[in-house]
N, C-alpha and C. Protein backbone atom coordinates (compact mmCIF):
# COMPACT_ATOMS: atom_id res chain seq x y z
N MET A 1 0.54 28.48 19.45
CA MET A 1 1.00 28.14 18.15
C MET A 1 -0.17 28.21 17.19
N ALA A 2 -0.01 28.91 16.09
CA ALA A 2 -1.06 29.04 15.09
C ALA A 2 -0.71 28.21 13.87
N PHE A 3 -1.66 27.41 13.44
CA PHE A 3 -1.46 26.62 12.23
C PHE A 3 -2.07 27.38 11.07
N GLY A 4 -1.44 28.49 10.70
CA GLY A 4 -1.98 29.34 9.66
C GLY A 4 -1.60 28.90 8.26
N GLY A 5 -0.47 28.21 8.10
CA GLY A 5 -0.05 27.78 6.79
C GLY A 5 -0.82 26.55 6.36
N ARG A 6 -1.03 26.43 5.06
CA ARG A 6 -1.76 25.27 4.54
C ARG A 6 -1.19 24.98 3.16
N HIS A 7 -0.90 23.72 2.89
CA HIS A 7 -0.33 23.38 1.61
C HIS A 7 -0.64 21.94 1.27
N GLY A 8 -0.73 21.66 0.00
CA GLY A 8 -0.90 20.29 -0.46
C GLY A 8 0.43 19.55 -0.39
N ALA A 9 0.36 18.27 -0.18
CA ALA A 9 1.56 17.44 -0.14
C ALA A 9 1.20 16.09 -0.74
N THR A 10 2.22 15.35 -1.11
CA THR A 10 2.04 14.01 -1.65
C THR A 10 2.67 13.02 -0.71
N LEU A 11 1.97 11.91 -0.47
CA LEU A 11 2.51 10.90 0.44
C LEU A 11 3.67 10.17 -0.19
N LEU A 12 4.66 9.94 0.60
CA LEU A 12 5.81 9.13 0.22
C LEU A 12 5.80 7.90 1.10
N CYS A 13 6.19 6.78 0.57
CA CYS A 13 6.21 5.56 1.36
C CYS A 13 7.60 5.39 1.95
N TYR A 14 7.69 5.42 3.24
CA TYR A 14 8.94 5.16 3.93
C TYR A 14 8.89 3.74 4.45
N ALA A 15 10.00 3.04 4.36
CA ALA A 15 10.04 1.69 4.92
C ALA A 15 9.68 1.82 6.39
N GLY A 16 8.67 1.14 6.80
CA GLY A 16 8.30 1.27 8.19
C GLY A 16 6.98 0.66 8.55
N MET A 17 6.90 -0.64 8.46
CA MET A 17 5.75 -1.30 9.07
C MET A 17 6.21 -1.65 10.47
N GLY A 18 5.39 -1.39 11.44
CA GLY A 18 5.80 -1.66 12.80
C GLY A 18 4.79 -2.47 13.55
N SER A 19 5.26 -3.25 14.46
CA SER A 19 4.39 -4.00 15.35
C SER A 19 4.87 -3.74 16.76
N TRP A 20 4.03 -3.07 17.55
CA TRP A 20 4.42 -2.75 18.92
C TRP A 20 3.71 -3.64 19.93
N LEU A 21 2.54 -4.09 19.58
CA LEU A 21 1.77 -4.96 20.45
C LEU A 21 1.35 -6.18 19.64
N PRO A 22 1.23 -7.34 20.24
CA PRO A 22 0.80 -8.52 19.48
C PRO A 22 -0.51 -8.26 18.74
N GLY A 23 -0.51 -8.53 17.45
CA GLY A 23 -1.72 -8.37 16.66
C GLY A 23 -1.96 -6.97 16.14
N ASN A 24 -1.15 -5.99 16.53
CA ASN A 24 -1.33 -4.62 16.05
C ASN A 24 -0.17 -4.24 15.14
N PHE A 25 -0.49 -3.87 13.94
CA PHE A 25 0.51 -3.45 12.97
C PHE A 25 0.20 -2.03 12.54
N ARG A 26 1.22 -1.31 12.13
CA ARG A 26 1.04 0.05 11.65
C ARG A 26 1.89 0.27 10.42
N SER A 27 1.31 0.93 9.43
CA SER A 27 2.07 1.41 8.28
C SER A 27 2.48 2.84 8.60
N ILE A 28 3.74 3.13 8.39
CA ILE A 28 4.28 4.46 8.65
C ILE A 28 4.44 5.17 7.31
N PHE A 29 3.94 6.40 7.22
CA PHE A 29 4.02 7.19 6.01
C PHE A 29 4.69 8.52 6.30
N GLY A 30 5.26 9.09 5.27
CA GLY A 30 5.83 10.43 5.37
C GLY A 30 5.21 11.32 4.31
N TYR A 31 5.23 12.61 4.56
CA TYR A 31 4.79 13.59 3.57
C TYR A 31 5.80 14.72 3.53
N VAL A 32 5.89 15.36 2.39
CA VAL A 32 6.82 16.47 2.17
C VAL A 32 6.01 17.63 1.62
N PHE A 33 6.29 18.83 2.11
CA PHE A 33 5.57 20.01 1.63
C PHE A 33 6.51 21.21 1.62
N PRO A 34 6.26 22.17 0.71
CA PRO A 34 7.07 23.38 0.67
C PRO A 34 6.50 24.45 1.61
N ALA A 35 7.38 25.19 2.24
CA ALA A 35 6.97 26.32 3.08
C ALA A 35 8.16 27.26 3.23
N ASN A 36 7.91 28.52 3.10
CA ASN A 36 8.94 29.55 3.29
C ASN A 36 10.19 29.28 2.46
N GLY A 37 10.01 28.76 1.25
CA GLY A 37 11.14 28.54 0.35
C GLY A 37 11.95 27.28 0.64
N SER A 38 11.51 26.44 1.56
CA SER A 38 12.22 25.20 1.89
C SER A 38 11.25 24.03 1.84
N ARG A 39 11.79 22.81 1.96
CA ARG A 39 10.96 21.61 2.02
C ARG A 39 10.95 21.09 3.45
N TYR A 40 9.78 20.68 3.90
CA TYR A 40 9.60 20.15 5.24
C TYR A 40 8.91 18.79 5.14
N ALA A 41 9.03 18.01 6.19
CA ALA A 41 8.44 16.67 6.18
C ALA A 41 7.74 16.38 7.49
N GLY A 42 6.82 15.45 7.44
CA GLY A 42 6.13 14.96 8.62
C GLY A 42 5.80 13.50 8.44
N PHE A 43 5.35 12.86 9.49
CA PHE A 43 5.05 11.43 9.46
C PHE A 43 3.72 11.15 10.13
N PHE A 44 3.13 10.02 9.78
CA PHE A 44 1.94 9.54 10.46
C PHE A 44 1.86 8.04 10.32
N ALA A 45 1.01 7.44 11.13
CA ALA A 45 0.83 5.99 11.12
C ALA A 45 -0.64 5.65 10.89
N VAL A 46 -0.87 4.51 10.23
CA VAL A 46 -2.21 3.97 10.03
C VAL A 46 -2.19 2.56 10.59
N GLU A 47 -3.14 2.25 11.46
CA GLU A 47 -3.19 0.93 12.08
C GLU A 47 -3.74 -0.09 11.09
N ALA A 48 -3.20 -1.32 11.16
CA ALA A 48 -3.65 -2.43 10.32
C ALA A 48 -3.80 -3.67 11.19
N ASN A 49 -4.56 -4.64 10.70
CA ASN A 49 -4.80 -5.87 11.46
C ASN A 49 -3.70 -6.90 11.28
N THR A 50 -3.05 -6.90 10.11
CA THR A 50 -2.01 -7.88 9.81
C THR A 50 -0.84 -7.20 9.13
N GLU A 51 0.28 -7.87 9.07
CA GLU A 51 1.44 -7.33 8.38
C GLU A 51 1.16 -7.19 6.88
N ASP A 52 0.45 -8.15 6.30
CA ASP A 52 0.09 -8.06 4.88
C ASP A 52 -0.80 -6.84 4.61
N GLU A 53 -1.73 -6.59 5.50
CA GLU A 53 -2.61 -5.44 5.37
C GLU A 53 -1.81 -4.14 5.47
N ALA A 54 -0.85 -4.10 6.36
CA ALA A 54 0.00 -2.92 6.51
C ALA A 54 0.78 -2.66 5.23
N GLY A 55 1.30 -3.72 4.62
CA GLY A 55 2.03 -3.58 3.36
C GLY A 55 1.12 -3.13 2.24
N ALA A 56 -0.09 -3.67 2.18
CA ALA A 56 -1.05 -3.27 1.15
C ALA A 56 -1.43 -1.80 1.30
N LEU A 57 -1.56 -1.32 2.53
CA LEU A 57 -1.87 0.10 2.77
C LEU A 57 -0.77 0.98 2.21
N GLN A 58 0.49 0.57 2.40
CA GLN A 58 1.59 1.38 1.88
C GLN A 58 1.52 1.48 0.37
N LYS A 59 1.24 0.37 -0.29
CA LYS A 59 1.16 0.39 -1.76
C LYS A 59 0.00 1.24 -2.23
N GLU A 60 -1.14 1.11 -1.57
CA GLU A 60 -2.34 1.82 -1.99
C GLU A 60 -2.26 3.32 -1.73
N ALA A 61 -1.69 3.72 -0.63
CA ALA A 61 -1.70 5.14 -0.23
C ALA A 61 -0.56 5.95 -0.82
N THR A 62 0.53 5.31 -1.22
CA THR A 62 1.68 6.05 -1.73
C THR A 62 1.27 6.89 -2.94
N GLY A 63 1.63 8.16 -2.90
CA GLY A 63 1.30 9.09 -3.98
C GLY A 63 -0.02 9.81 -3.78
N THR A 64 -0.77 9.47 -2.75
CA THR A 64 -2.04 10.13 -2.45
C THR A 64 -1.77 11.57 -2.00
N GLY A 65 -2.57 12.49 -2.45
CA GLY A 65 -2.44 13.88 -2.02
C GLY A 65 -3.07 14.09 -0.65
N VAL A 66 -2.46 14.90 0.16
CA VAL A 66 -2.98 15.25 1.48
C VAL A 66 -2.84 16.76 1.68
N THR A 67 -3.64 17.31 2.59
CA THR A 67 -3.52 18.73 2.93
C THR A 67 -2.85 18.85 4.29
N VAL A 68 -1.81 19.65 4.33
CA VAL A 68 -0.99 19.83 5.53
C VAL A 68 -1.25 21.22 6.10
N ARG A 69 -1.41 21.29 7.40
CA ARG A 69 -1.44 22.58 8.10
C ARG A 69 -0.15 22.67 8.90
N TYR A 70 0.44 23.85 8.90
CA TYR A 70 1.72 24.02 9.59
C TYR A 70 1.81 25.40 10.22
N ASP A 71 2.72 25.51 11.15
CA ASP A 71 2.99 26.78 11.82
C ASP A 71 3.90 27.59 10.90
N PRO A 72 3.44 28.72 10.35
CA PRO A 72 4.27 29.50 9.43
C PRO A 72 5.59 29.98 10.05
N GLU A 73 5.61 30.13 11.36
CA GLU A 73 6.85 30.56 12.02
C GLU A 73 7.79 29.40 12.28
N ASN A 74 7.27 28.17 12.25
CA ASN A 74 8.08 26.97 12.46
C ASN A 74 7.45 25.81 11.68
N PRO A 75 7.68 25.73 10.36
CA PRO A 75 7.04 24.71 9.54
C PRO A 75 7.44 23.27 9.91
N ASP A 76 8.43 23.11 10.78
CA ASP A 76 8.74 21.76 11.27
C ASP A 76 7.57 21.20 12.07
N VAL A 77 6.67 22.08 12.53
CA VAL A 77 5.49 21.67 13.27
C VAL A 77 4.32 21.64 12.29
N SER A 78 3.88 20.43 11.95
CA SER A 78 2.80 20.29 10.97
C SER A 78 1.85 19.17 11.37
N ILE A 79 0.63 19.25 10.85
CA ILE A 79 -0.37 18.20 11.04
C ILE A 79 -1.12 18.02 9.73
N LEU A 80 -1.69 16.84 9.55
CA LEU A 80 -2.54 16.62 8.39
C LEU A 80 -3.93 17.16 8.72
N GLU A 81 -4.54 17.82 7.75
CA GLU A 81 -5.84 18.43 7.99
C GLU A 81 -6.93 17.38 8.17
N ASP A 82 -6.87 16.32 7.39
CA ASP A 82 -7.87 15.26 7.49
C ASP A 82 -7.33 14.16 8.40
N GLY A 83 -8.15 13.65 9.27
CA GLY A 83 -7.72 12.61 10.20
C GLY A 83 -7.84 11.20 9.67
N THR A 84 -8.16 11.06 8.37
CA THR A 84 -8.29 9.73 7.79
C THR A 84 -7.60 9.69 6.43
N ILE A 85 -7.26 8.48 6.03
CA ILE A 85 -6.77 8.23 4.68
C ILE A 85 -7.23 6.84 4.29
N LEU A 86 -7.74 6.71 3.07
CA LEU A 86 -8.30 5.45 2.59
C LEU A 86 -9.36 4.91 3.54
N GLY A 87 -10.10 5.82 4.15
CA GLY A 87 -11.17 5.42 5.06
C GLY A 87 -10.70 4.93 6.42
N ARG A 88 -9.42 5.08 6.71
CA ARG A 88 -8.88 4.64 8.00
C ARG A 88 -8.37 5.84 8.77
N ARG A 89 -8.54 5.76 10.07
CA ARG A 89 -8.05 6.83 10.95
C ARG A 89 -6.52 6.80 10.99
N LEU A 90 -5.93 7.96 10.96
CA LEU A 90 -4.47 8.04 11.07
C LEU A 90 -4.10 8.70 12.38
N THR A 91 -2.86 8.51 12.79
CA THR A 91 -2.37 9.18 14.00
C THR A 91 -1.01 9.80 13.73
N GLN A 92 -0.78 10.92 14.37
CA GLN A 92 0.52 11.56 14.36
C GLN A 92 1.10 11.58 15.77
N ASN A 93 0.57 10.71 16.60
CA ASN A 93 1.06 10.57 17.96
C ASN A 93 2.51 10.07 17.91
N PRO A 94 3.46 10.81 18.46
CA PRO A 94 4.86 10.40 18.37
C PRO A 94 5.16 9.07 19.06
N HIS A 95 4.30 8.63 19.97
CA HIS A 95 4.53 7.34 20.63
C HIS A 95 4.22 6.18 19.72
N TRP A 96 3.48 6.42 18.65
CA TRP A 96 3.15 5.36 17.69
C TRP A 96 4.16 5.30 16.54
N LEU A 97 5.00 6.29 16.44
CA LEU A 97 5.97 6.36 15.35
C LEU A 97 7.33 5.89 15.84
N PRO A 98 8.08 5.20 14.97
CA PRO A 98 9.40 4.71 15.42
C PRO A 98 10.39 5.84 15.60
């Protein structure tokens, strides 16, 4: 699979703070980008220490621009080019997403 496509996207805040393990919270974000004449979306999570921190991350990051890399033959397959946002590591691991 080649991630030859590249496009800017804007973060959208989706309802989705999650707690899977005691003391671990995650803010869930989505992004939307155009490719091949259609709109595509992807998701990622950012870990937080508290529920309040997770909520604050959503408010702060919403509307932030990101760069998306995607498979031009299948834009449903995409990744964020930068592995951090607001100085925090993000994950696109599907096991961390609801």
